[in-house]
Each structure stands twice: as C-alpha cells, then as structure tokens.
Amino acid sequence: MAEYNTIVYEVERGRARITLNRPEKLNALSAELQRELNDALWEADNDRNVHAVILKGAGRAFSAGYDLTPMSRPRAETPPGETYTAVYRGGATFDDDAWQLERGQRLRMAIFDMHKPVIAQVHGHCIAGGTDVAFLCDIVIAAENATIGFPPTRAMGAPPNNMWIYNCGPQWAKRLLLTGDTITGAEAAKIGLVLKAVPPDMLSAEVEGLVDRMAMIDTELLSANKRIVNLQLELMGARTIQRMAAENDARAHLAPSVREFGRIAREQGLKAALHWRDDKFGDGRARVEGPETRDENGRLK
C-alpha cells in the first residue's frame, strides 16, 4: 500500500477512510494532496474488501479550500541524458489557466467516476475547493454548525467544479454563488445541498452507521446502483458541466476584481486581500461572523 504525506488512508470493516491531513492549513487542497487523494480513491475502488469510502478532514475543518501558495512560473527542464529542453505551462494565458484547472479537476473527478460510493463527512469549514470535493461525493452529511460556501466568487473566480445546481437547484445555487455567502450545515440540509445535518458530536456515528449498512451489500450491487444514478446525472449534463466549469473559472479570472485581488495579495499579502474582498459584506468572513447577515434565530437573511 502506498505511503501518503497529506492524507491518512485506512481500511476497516468494509470501508476505506480517507482523511485529508493538513490540519495546520485547515486541509487546504495542495497539488500533492489532490494527487494523493486521487491515488487513494482508486486504491479503494480496486480493493474488493472496500464497500464504501468515508472522506473527512483532520483537525478543525473538512477543507478551507485550495492552497493559495502562488503557482510557480513556467520553467525550463532538461531531462537527464537528453538535450531537449521542455518549457512547461504556467498560468499567464487563458489556455494555460484552463489547462491547469482541468488538470486538477481530473484528479477530483475520481470521486464521481469510481464505482464505489463516497460519503463526505463534513465538519468545520467546507469552503471553496472544499465544496468542489464534497459535492462530487455521492452523499454529504454535515455537522449542523459546519460552514459551507464559495466566498471566492466575490473576487477570485468561479468554482472549477460545479455540482451546486444538481444538489440545491438553480435559485439556491445562484443565491450562494452570486454573493459568496456561507451557510451552516443545518441550513444546507434544508435546501438539499447536503443530505443531512446532525449535531457535531453525532457526525462520525451518523456516517459510520450509514456505511455499516452499505458494508452489508455486495460491492457489485453498490457499483451498479451508484453508476446508474451518476449516468443519469451525466445525461443531465453533469459530466460536461464539470469540463465547462474549469474553463469558466479561467474566464472569470480575467475579471478586473480578480486582477485587483491578485495585486493586493502580491503587494500587501493574502490576509490584506481577503480583508479587501470580504469586509464590505459585513458577514465577518475576514474576522468572525457578525450578526448582520443573520436574523434573530441565527438563520441566513
């Protein structure tokens, strides 16, 4: 079995547990983590002892999004023993940007394409890239106090995976993506963005109990019944939309506000750029959540 640096992989009682394991970074999705996640998913799919996969995060969050470490510039490399020099893509052009986004997306699409069911166990922050991973899963169960949303739509781009409409419908997808607002796990369950929300101390037991039931079913039947639903999603355009989403994110990156966010991040640091992006919304994304966007019962206005 492969050794991993950024995830934990374990198999027990008919299930594979894959834990995103960069807790000090709130499980930010680095390129290495996404490659290791892809490898672990296919390992689980190939193992006849595994009936289902539980995907979760270590520490305080499921995942707070993509690792925002600056992308390296195009580089020239000469393979050992050869004279040919390859110059690799960066992200400066539209096509290069789309190419890079599609490369990352192919790694995440293993969740959708593999035959065995994947259950997302969401706690803490499930933000931006965290939602790209979670919403590709077959079932999402969240802690009631989880924080779910895609704040980068405010000034950084669009989701490079996009399963929102298939889970919560067009109006809620627009409501959340056109504002970058976040909602709780409890609110997400009410609109169908996740299947169910439970108290945080019951989350693990809820997910494990569901997989206990799947573990009693033949893997061939689990595969047949996952695949027919996903094929219906494909006929509804879901697979094609994922390809289009990556290109759409590259298009969104051409917006003036995205360039301004990048300028502030380069000159003043990422924290300053996030303050610039979020402070005017008054919802505490840059600090702590404030009351402005919640009613007296704590619900999203």
Protein backbone atom coordinates (compact mmCIF):
# COMPACT_ATOMS: atom_id res chain seq x y z
CA MET A 1 0.00 0.00 0.00
CA ALA A 2 1.28 3.45 -0.88
CA GLU A 3 2.56 5.84 1.77
CA TYR A 4 0.99 9.29 1.88
CA ASN A 5 2.18 12.66 3.16
CA THR A 6 -1.04 14.68 3.10
CA ILE A 7 -3.80 12.14 3.71
CA VAL A 8 -4.41 9.18 6.00
CA TYR A 9 -5.73 6.01 4.39
CA GLU A 10 -7.12 3.10 6.37
CA VAL A 11 -9.38 0.14 5.65
CA GLU A 12 -11.59 -1.48 8.28
CA ARG A 13 -14.88 -3.37 8.34
CA GLY A 14 -15.71 -2.92 4.69
CA ARG A 15 -14.87 0.77 4.49
CA ALA A 16 -11.92 2.90 3.48
CA ARG A 17 -11.47 6.07 5.49
CA ILE A 18 -9.59 8.81 3.68
CA THR A 19 -8.69 11.74 5.92
CA LEU A 20 -7.38 14.99 4.48
CA ASN A 21 -4.41 15.52 6.77
CA ARG A 22 -3.08 19.05 6.64
CA PRO A 23 -4.78 20.29 9.83
CA GLU A 24 -2.31 23.15 10.29
CA LYS A 25 -3.55 24.50 6.91
CA LEU A 26 -7.20 23.61 7.54
CA ASN A 27 -6.69 20.85 4.95
CA ALA A 28 -6.06 23.29 2.11
CA LEU A 29 -6.01 21.38 -1.16
CA SER A 30 -2.44 21.41 -2.39
CA ALA A 31 -1.45 19.75 -5.65
CA GLU A 32 0.19 16.95 -3.67
CA LEU A 33 -2.92 16.36 -1.58
CA GLN A 34 -5.11 16.14 -4.66
CA ARG A 35 -2.76 13.65 -6.31
CA GLU A 36 -2.67 11.52 -3.17
CA LEU A 37 -6.44 11.72 -2.80
CA ASN A 38 -6.85 10.54 -6.38
CA ASP A 39 -4.49 7.61 -5.79
CA ALA A 40 -6.25 6.61 -2.56
CA LEU A 41 -9.70 6.75 -4.15
CA TRP A 42 -8.68 4.40 -6.95
CA GLU A 43 -6.94 2.12 -4.44
CA ALA A 44 -10.21 1.87 -2.50
CA ASP A 45 -12.17 1.28 -5.70
CA ASN A 46 -9.83 -1.55 -6.64
CA ASP A 47 -9.94 -3.25 -3.23
CA ARG A 48 -12.73 -5.86 -3.06
CA ASN A 49 -12.77 -5.58 0.73
CA VAL A 50 -13.94 -1.97 0.48
CA HIS A 51 -17.67 -1.36 0.02
CA ALA A 52 -17.68 2.41 0.53
CA VAL A 53 -15.35 5.33 1.25
CA ILE A 54 -15.64 7.89 4.03
CA LEU A 55 -13.93 11.16 3.13
CA LYS A 56 -13.26 13.55 6.01
CA GLY A 57 -10.79 16.11 7.32
CA ALA A 58 -8.39 16.14 10.25
CA GLY A 59 -8.45 18.91 12.83
CA ARG A 60 -10.89 21.83 12.78
CA ALA A 61 -12.13 21.63 9.18
CA PHE A 62 -13.13 19.41 6.31
CA SER A 63 -11.25 21.75 3.96
CA ALA A 64 -10.93 25.52 3.85
CA GLY A 65 -10.28 25.49 0.10
CA TYR A 66 -7.44 25.39 -2.37
CA ASP A 67 -3.90 26.05 -1.25
CA LEU A 68 -3.25 29.64 -2.30
CA THR A 69 0.52 29.26 -2.43
CA PRO A 70 1.48 31.18 -5.59
CA MET A 71 1.67 29.00 -8.66
CA SER A 72 5.20 28.52 -9.92
CA ARG A 73 6.16 30.26 -13.13
CA PRO A 74 6.81 28.35 -16.37
CA ARG A 75 10.11 26.54 -16.08
CA ALA A 76 12.56 25.00 -18.46
CA GLU A 77 13.72 21.48 -17.69
CA THR A 78 16.16 19.23 -19.48
CA PRO A 79 15.52 15.53 -18.80
CA PRO A 80 18.62 13.61 -17.61
CA GLY A 81 20.77 12.45 -20.51
CA GLU A 82 18.88 14.48 -23.11
CA THR A 83 19.49 17.77 -24.83
CA TYR A 84 15.83 18.66 -25.38
CA THR A 85 14.53 21.34 -23.01
CA ALA A 86 10.85 21.29 -22.14
CA VAL A 87 9.13 24.54 -21.16
CA TYR A 88 6.11 23.83 -19.01
CA ARG A 89 2.89 25.79 -18.76
CA GLY A 90 2.34 28.42 -16.11
CA GLY A 91 -0.98 30.23 -15.74
CA ALA A 92 -0.44 33.52 -17.55
CA THR A 93 -2.66 32.87 -20.56
CA PHE A 94 -6.31 31.87 -20.72
CA ASP A 95 -5.44 28.48 -22.21
CA ASP A 96 -2.70 27.81 -19.67
CA ASP A 97 -5.05 28.72 -16.83
CA ALA A 98 -7.81 26.45 -18.17
CA TRP A 99 -5.27 23.65 -18.70
CA GLN A 100 -4.06 23.90 -15.10
CA LEU A 101 -7.64 23.95 -13.77
CA GLU A 102 -8.59 20.93 -15.88
CA ARG A 103 -5.56 19.01 -14.61
CA GLY A 104 -6.65 19.49 -11.01
CA GLN A 105 -10.24 18.70 -11.89
CA ARG A 106 -9.29 15.34 -13.43
CA LEU A 107 -7.84 14.32 -10.06
CA ARG A 108 -11.02 15.26 -8.17
CA MET A 109 -13.35 13.60 -10.68
CA ALA A 110 -12.23 10.21 -9.39
CA ILE A 111 -14.89 10.69 -6.70
CA PHE A 112 -17.60 10.85 -9.36
CA ASP A 113 -16.10 8.27 -11.74
CA MET A 114 -15.13 5.50 -9.31
CA HIS A 115 -17.65 2.69 -8.89
CA LYS A 116 -17.94 2.60 -5.11
CA PRO A 117 -19.90 5.16 -3.08
CA VAL A 118 -18.08 8.01 -1.34
CA ILE A 119 -19.60 9.67 1.72
CA ALA A 120 -18.35 13.14 2.70
CA GLN A 121 -18.21 13.70 6.46
CA VAL A 122 -18.18 17.50 6.72
CA HIS A 123 -17.30 19.46 9.83
CA GLY A 124 -15.90 22.93 10.41
CA HIS A 125 -15.12 24.84 7.24
CA CYS A 126 -16.11 23.34 3.90
CA ILE A 127 -15.21 26.35 1.81
CA ALA A 128 -14.34 26.97 -1.84
CA GLY A 129 -12.30 23.98 -3.02
CA GLY A 130 -13.65 22.03 -0.07
CA THR A 131 -17.08 22.21 -1.68
CA ASP A 132 -15.62 21.10 -5.03
CA VAL A 133 -14.54 17.89 -3.31
CA ALA A 134 -17.57 17.38 -1.05
CA PHE A 135 -20.24 17.94 -3.71
CA LEU A 136 -18.69 15.35 -6.03
CA CYS A 137 -19.32 12.77 -3.30
CA ASP A 138 -22.38 10.55 -3.53
CA ILE A 139 -23.74 11.64 -0.15
CA VAL A 140 -22.78 14.57 2.07
CA ILE A 141 -23.52 14.50 5.81
CA ALA A 142 -22.56 17.62 7.73
CA ALA A 143 -22.29 18.86 11.27
CA GLU A 144 -25.07 21.34 11.98
CA ASN A 145 -22.52 24.06 12.70
CA ALA A 146 -20.34 23.43 9.64
CA THR A 147 -19.66 26.46 7.42
CA ILE A 148 -20.33 25.83 3.73
CA GLY A 149 -19.94 28.16 0.76
CA PHE A 150 -17.75 29.57 -2.00
CA PRO A 151 -16.57 33.07 -0.92
CA PRO A 152 -14.00 33.31 -3.76
CA THR A 153 -16.86 34.14 -6.16
CA ARG A 154 -16.70 37.63 -4.63
CA ALA A 155 -13.36 38.49 -6.22
CA MET A 156 -11.35 35.43 -7.22
CA GLY A 157 -13.24 33.45 -9.85
CA ALA A 158 -15.85 30.70 -10.13
CA PRO A 159 -16.00 27.09 -8.91
CA PRO A 160 -13.75 24.91 -11.13
CA ASN A 161 -16.09 22.05 -10.29
CA ASN A 162 -19.78 22.81 -10.19
CA MET A 163 -22.33 20.40 -8.77
CA TRP A 164 -24.36 23.07 -6.97
CA ILE A 165 -27.42 23.05 -9.22
CA TYR A 166 -27.71 19.25 -9.04
CA ASN A 167 -27.91 19.39 -5.25
CA CYS A 168 -29.87 22.52 -4.39
CA GLY A 169 -31.42 23.77 -7.65
CA PRO A 170 -30.78 26.91 -9.70
CA GLN A 171 -32.12 29.56 -7.35
CA TRP A 172 -30.13 28.50 -4.29
CA ALA A 173 -27.07 27.88 -6.46
CA LYS A 174 -27.35 31.47 -7.70
CA ARG A 175 -28.14 32.81 -4.23
CA LEU A 176 -24.89 31.41 -2.87
CA LEU A 177 -22.58 31.81 -5.87
CA LEU A 178 -23.72 35.35 -6.72
CA THR A 179 -22.88 36.56 -3.21
CA GLY A 180 -20.18 34.24 -1.90
CA ASP A 181 -22.23 33.94 1.29
CA THR A 182 -21.81 30.91 3.53
CA ILE A 183 -24.48 28.86 5.27
CA THR A 184 -24.42 26.38 8.12
CA GLY A 185 -24.66 22.64 7.75
CA ALA A 186 -28.19 22.81 9.17
CA GLU A 187 -29.20 25.36 6.53
CA ALA A 188 -27.51 23.32 3.80
CA ALA A 189 -29.61 20.28 4.75
CA LYS A 190 -32.82 22.32 4.48
CA ILE A 191 -32.09 23.31 0.86
CA GLY A 192 -30.76 19.90 -0.21
CA LEU A 193 -27.14 20.98 -0.59
CA VAL A 194 -26.25 18.17 1.84
CA LEU A 195 -28.32 15.10 2.64
CA LYS A 196 -28.44 15.55 6.39
CA ALA A 197 -27.03 17.66 9.22
CA VAL A 198 -26.52 16.35 12.74
CA PRO A 199 -25.03 17.70 15.98
CA PRO A 200 -21.22 17.74 15.74
CA ASP A 201 -20.77 15.06 18.39
CA MET A 202 -23.01 12.71 16.40
CA LEU A 203 -21.42 13.25 12.97
CA SER A 204 -18.97 10.34 12.99
CA ALA A 205 -21.57 7.88 14.33
CA GLU A 206 -24.08 9.01 11.68
CA VAL A 207 -21.65 8.45 8.83
CA GLU A 208 -20.26 5.20 10.19
CA GLY A 209 -23.79 3.89 10.73
CA LEU A 210 -24.71 4.62 7.12
CA VAL A 211 -21.60 2.84 5.86
CA ASP A 212 -22.36 -0.10 8.17
CA ARG A 213 -25.49 -0.63 6.08
CA MET A 214 -23.62 -0.32 2.78
CA ALA A 215 -21.00 -2.78 4.01
CA MET A 216 -23.70 -5.48 4.14
CA ILE A 217 -24.39 -5.12 0.41
CA ASP A 218 -22.45 -6.78 -2.41
CA THR A 219 -19.95 -4.34 -3.93
CA GLU A 220 -21.21 -5.29 -7.40
CA LEU A 221 -24.69 -4.07 -6.46
CA LEU A 222 -23.35 -0.90 -4.86
CA SER A 223 -21.47 -0.21 -8.06
CA ALA A 224 -24.48 -0.86 -10.27
CA ASN A 225 -26.70 1.47 -8.27
CA LYS A 226 -24.16 4.28 -7.94
CA ARG A 227 -23.29 4.17 -11.62
CA ILE A 228 -26.87 4.28 -12.90
CA VAL A 229 -27.59 7.41 -10.85
CA ASN A 230 -24.37 9.06 -11.99
CA LEU A 231 -25.11 8.12 -15.59
CA GLN A 232 -28.45 9.88 -15.20
CA LEU A 233 -26.55 12.92 -13.94
CA GLU A 234 -24.31 12.65 -16.99
CA LEU A 235 -27.36 12.62 -19.27
CA MET A 236 -28.45 15.77 -17.44
CA GLY A 237 -25.12 17.31 -18.39
CA ALA A 238 -23.26 16.98 -15.09
CA ARG A 239 -20.08 15.47 -16.55
CA THR A 240 -19.88 18.01 -19.37
CA ILE A 241 -20.59 20.88 -16.99
CA GLN A 242 -17.52 19.95 -14.96
CA ARG A 243 -15.32 20.40 -18.05
CA MET A 244 -17.06 23.67 -18.77
CA ALA A 245 -16.67 24.80 -15.15
CA ALA A 246 -12.89 24.70 -15.36
CA GLU A 247 -12.90 26.83 -18.50
CA ASN A 248 -15.49 29.13 -16.96
CA ASP A 249 -13.23 29.67 -13.94
CA ALA A 250 -10.40 30.63 -16.30
CA ARG A 251 -12.80 33.12 -17.93
CA ALA A 252 -13.76 34.51 -14.52
CA HIS A 253 -10.07 35.01 -13.70
CA LEU A 254 -9.99 37.74 -16.39
CA ALA A 255 -12.33 39.98 -14.36
CA PRO A 256 -10.85 43.28 -13.10
CA SER A 257 -11.64 42.45 -9.46
CA VAL A 258 -9.63 39.24 -9.74
CA ARG A 259 -6.63 41.20 -11.00
CA GLU A 260 -7.07 43.67 -8.13
CA PHE A 261 -7.24 40.84 -5.58
CA GLY A 262 -4.02 39.45 -7.02
CA ARG A 263 -2.30 42.84 -6.88
CA ILE A 264 -3.22 43.36 -3.22
CA ALA A 265 -2.11 39.82 -2.37
CA ARG A 266 1.26 40.36 -4.04
CA GLU A 267 1.89 43.79 -2.54
CA GLN A 268 0.29 43.52 0.90
CA GLY A 269 -0.18 39.81 1.48
CA LEU A 270 -3.06 37.36 1.28
CA LYS A 271 -4.63 38.47 4.56
CA ALA A 272 -4.99 42.03 3.27
CA ALA A 273 -6.52 40.77 0.03
CA LEU A 274 -9.07 38.69 1.93
CA HIS A 275 -10.00 41.72 4.05
CA TRP A 276 -10.46 43.76 0.87
CA ARG A 277 -12.64 41.01 -0.60
CA ASP A 278 -14.86 40.38 2.42
CA ASP A 279 -15.04 43.38 4.74
CA LYS A 280 -17.66 45.24 2.73
CA PHE A 281 -20.06 42.29 3.01
CA GLY A 282 -20.20 42.70 6.78
CA ASP A 283 -20.51 38.98 7.39
CA GLY A 284 -17.25 38.53 9.22
CA ARG A 285 -15.55 36.35 6.63
CA ALA A 286 -12.33 38.29 7.24
CA ARG A 287 -12.72 38.23 11.04
CA VAL A 288 -15.53 36.47 12.88
CA GLU A 289 -19.08 36.07 11.71
CA GLY A 290 -21.17 39.10 12.62
CA PRO A 291 -24.92 39.44 13.15
CA GLU A 292 -25.54 41.50 10.04
CA THR A 293 -26.36 38.54 7.81
CA ARG A 294 -28.30 36.53 10.37
CA ASP A 295 -31.77 37.01 11.81
CA GLU A 296 -32.66 36.72 15.50
CA ASN A 297 -32.68 32.92 15.16
CA GLY A 298 -29.24 32.83 13.56
CA ARG A 299 -30.52 31.97 10.10
CA LEU A 300 -29.10 33.42 6.89
CA LYS A 301 -31.01 36.50 5.74
